[in-house]
Protein backbone atom coordinates (compact mmCIF):
# COMPACT_ATOMS: atom_id res chain seq x y z
CA MET A 1 -16.92 1.16 -25.31
CA GLN A 2 -18.27 1.12 -21.80
CA GLY A 3 -17.04 0.17 -18.45
CA LYS A 4 -13.72 -1.36 -17.89
CA ASP A 5 -13.26 -2.02 -21.50
CA HIS A 6 -12.66 1.68 -22.01
CA TYR A 7 -9.69 1.97 -19.55
CA THR A 8 -6.18 0.95 -20.23
CA GLU A 9 -4.56 -1.57 -17.80
CA GLU A 10 -2.16 1.20 -16.76
CA SER A 11 -5.08 3.42 -15.89
CA VAL A 12 -6.65 0.87 -13.77
CA GLN A 13 -3.46 0.12 -12.06
CA LEU A 14 -2.77 3.87 -11.34
CA ALA A 15 -6.31 4.15 -10.01
CA LYS A 16 -5.58 1.16 -7.59
CA PHE A 17 -2.38 2.80 -6.36
CA CYS A 18 -4.06 6.16 -5.91
CA LYS A 19 -6.96 4.70 -4.01
CA ALA A 20 -4.52 2.96 -1.56
CA LEU A 21 -2.69 6.36 -1.19
CA ALA A 22 -5.91 8.25 -0.56
CA HIS A 23 -6.05 8.02 3.33
CA PRO A 24 -3.64 9.77 5.76
CA ALA A 25 -3.32 6.66 7.90
CA ARG A 26 -1.97 4.74 4.80
CA ILE A 27 0.51 7.36 3.98
CA THR A 28 1.71 7.28 7.58
CA ILE A 29 1.92 3.42 7.41
CA LEU A 30 3.87 3.56 4.21
CA LYS A 31 6.35 6.27 5.72
CA LEU A 32 6.90 3.88 8.61
CA LEU A 33 7.61 0.96 6.48
CA PHE A 34 9.93 2.92 4.38
CA SER A 35 11.88 3.76 7.56
CA ARG A 36 12.25 0.05 8.60
CA GLU A 37 13.04 -3.12 6.56
CA GLU A 38 9.92 -4.80 7.86
CA CYS A 39 7.47 -4.71 10.75
CA ILE A 40 4.41 -6.40 12.25
CA CYS A 41 0.98 -4.90 12.75
CA SER A 42 1.47 -4.50 16.58
CA ASP A 43 4.65 -2.46 15.74
CA ILE A 44 2.65 -0.14 13.61
CA VAL A 45 -0.14 0.07 16.26
CA ARG A 46 2.46 1.25 18.77
CA GLU A 47 3.51 4.03 16.39
CA ILE A 48 0.03 5.13 15.12
CA PRO A 49 -2.91 5.91 17.39
CA LEU A 50 -5.35 3.63 15.69
CA ALA A 51 -6.87 0.46 16.73
CA GLN A 52 -5.24 -2.88 15.74
CA SER A 53 -8.36 -3.67 13.54
CA THR A 54 -8.26 -0.36 11.87
CA VAL A 55 -4.49 -0.72 11.05
CA SER A 56 -5.25 -4.20 9.74
CA ARG A 57 -7.78 -2.85 7.41
CA HIS A 58 -5.30 -0.25 6.12
CA LEU A 59 -2.63 -2.84 5.58
CA LYS A 60 -5.11 -4.97 3.74
CA GLU A 61 -5.78 -2.03 1.23
CA LEU A 62 -2.12 -1.40 0.69
CA LYS A 63 -1.44 -4.97 0.15
CA THR A 64 -4.36 -5.42 -2.20
CA ALA A 65 -3.01 -2.50 -4.26
CA GLY A 66 0.42 -4.17 -4.31
CA LEU A 67 2.27 -1.31 -2.47
CA ILE A 68 3.24 -3.59 0.43
CA GLN A 69 3.74 -7.36 0.90
CA GLY A 70 3.40 -9.61 3.94
CA ASN A 71 5.82 -12.40 4.67
CA ILE A 72 4.18 -14.98 6.90
CA THR A 73 6.22 -16.04 9.86
CA PRO A 74 3.93 -17.79 12.12
CA PRO A 75 2.20 -16.44 14.22
CA GLN A 76 2.76 -13.18 12.65
CA ILE A 77 2.94 -11.46 9.27
CA LYS A 78 5.86 -9.05 8.61
CA TYR A 79 4.98 -6.28 6.24
CA CYS A 80 7.42 -4.36 4.05
CA ILE A 81 7.35 -2.17 0.98
CA ASN A 82 6.82 -4.07 -2.27
CA ARG A 83 9.80 -2.34 -4.06
CA GLN A 84 8.87 -3.46 -7.55
CA ASN A 85 5.29 -2.30 -7.33
CA TRP A 86 6.35 0.88 -5.59
CA ALA A 87 8.70 1.71 -8.41
CA GLN A 88 5.81 1.00 -10.87
CA ALA A 89 3.47 3.33 -8.97
CA ARG A 90 6.16 6.08 -8.90
CA LYS A 91 6.78 5.81 -12.60
CA GLN A 92 2.94 5.80 -13.48
CA LEU A 93 2.38 8.95 -11.10
CA GLU A 94 5.48 10.79 -12.70
CA LYS A 95 4.19 10.06 -16.12
CA PHE A 96 0.75 11.11 -15.17
CA PHE A 97 1.99 14.47 -13.72
CA GLU A 98 4.15 15.17 -16.81
């Protein structure tokens, strides 16, 4: 087998989670979101010394991996931890490190 056919779905998902975690800004954003029920991008920008566009890119990566979710409340998106996917990521990481 070659390419994606060689990898289990669990391995592919774990790699997505790990890729999303592989930047200190994203770790900082996750810690911030864990400390709050939800927040908007401008709240995060006030806490982290990064440009709004940079924070938005990091939020997109975390959302694509499924670690966070965004609830649209026009004109803003309120971000929070995706608890179900976070539990899955934690379980997969624990299994990986066993």
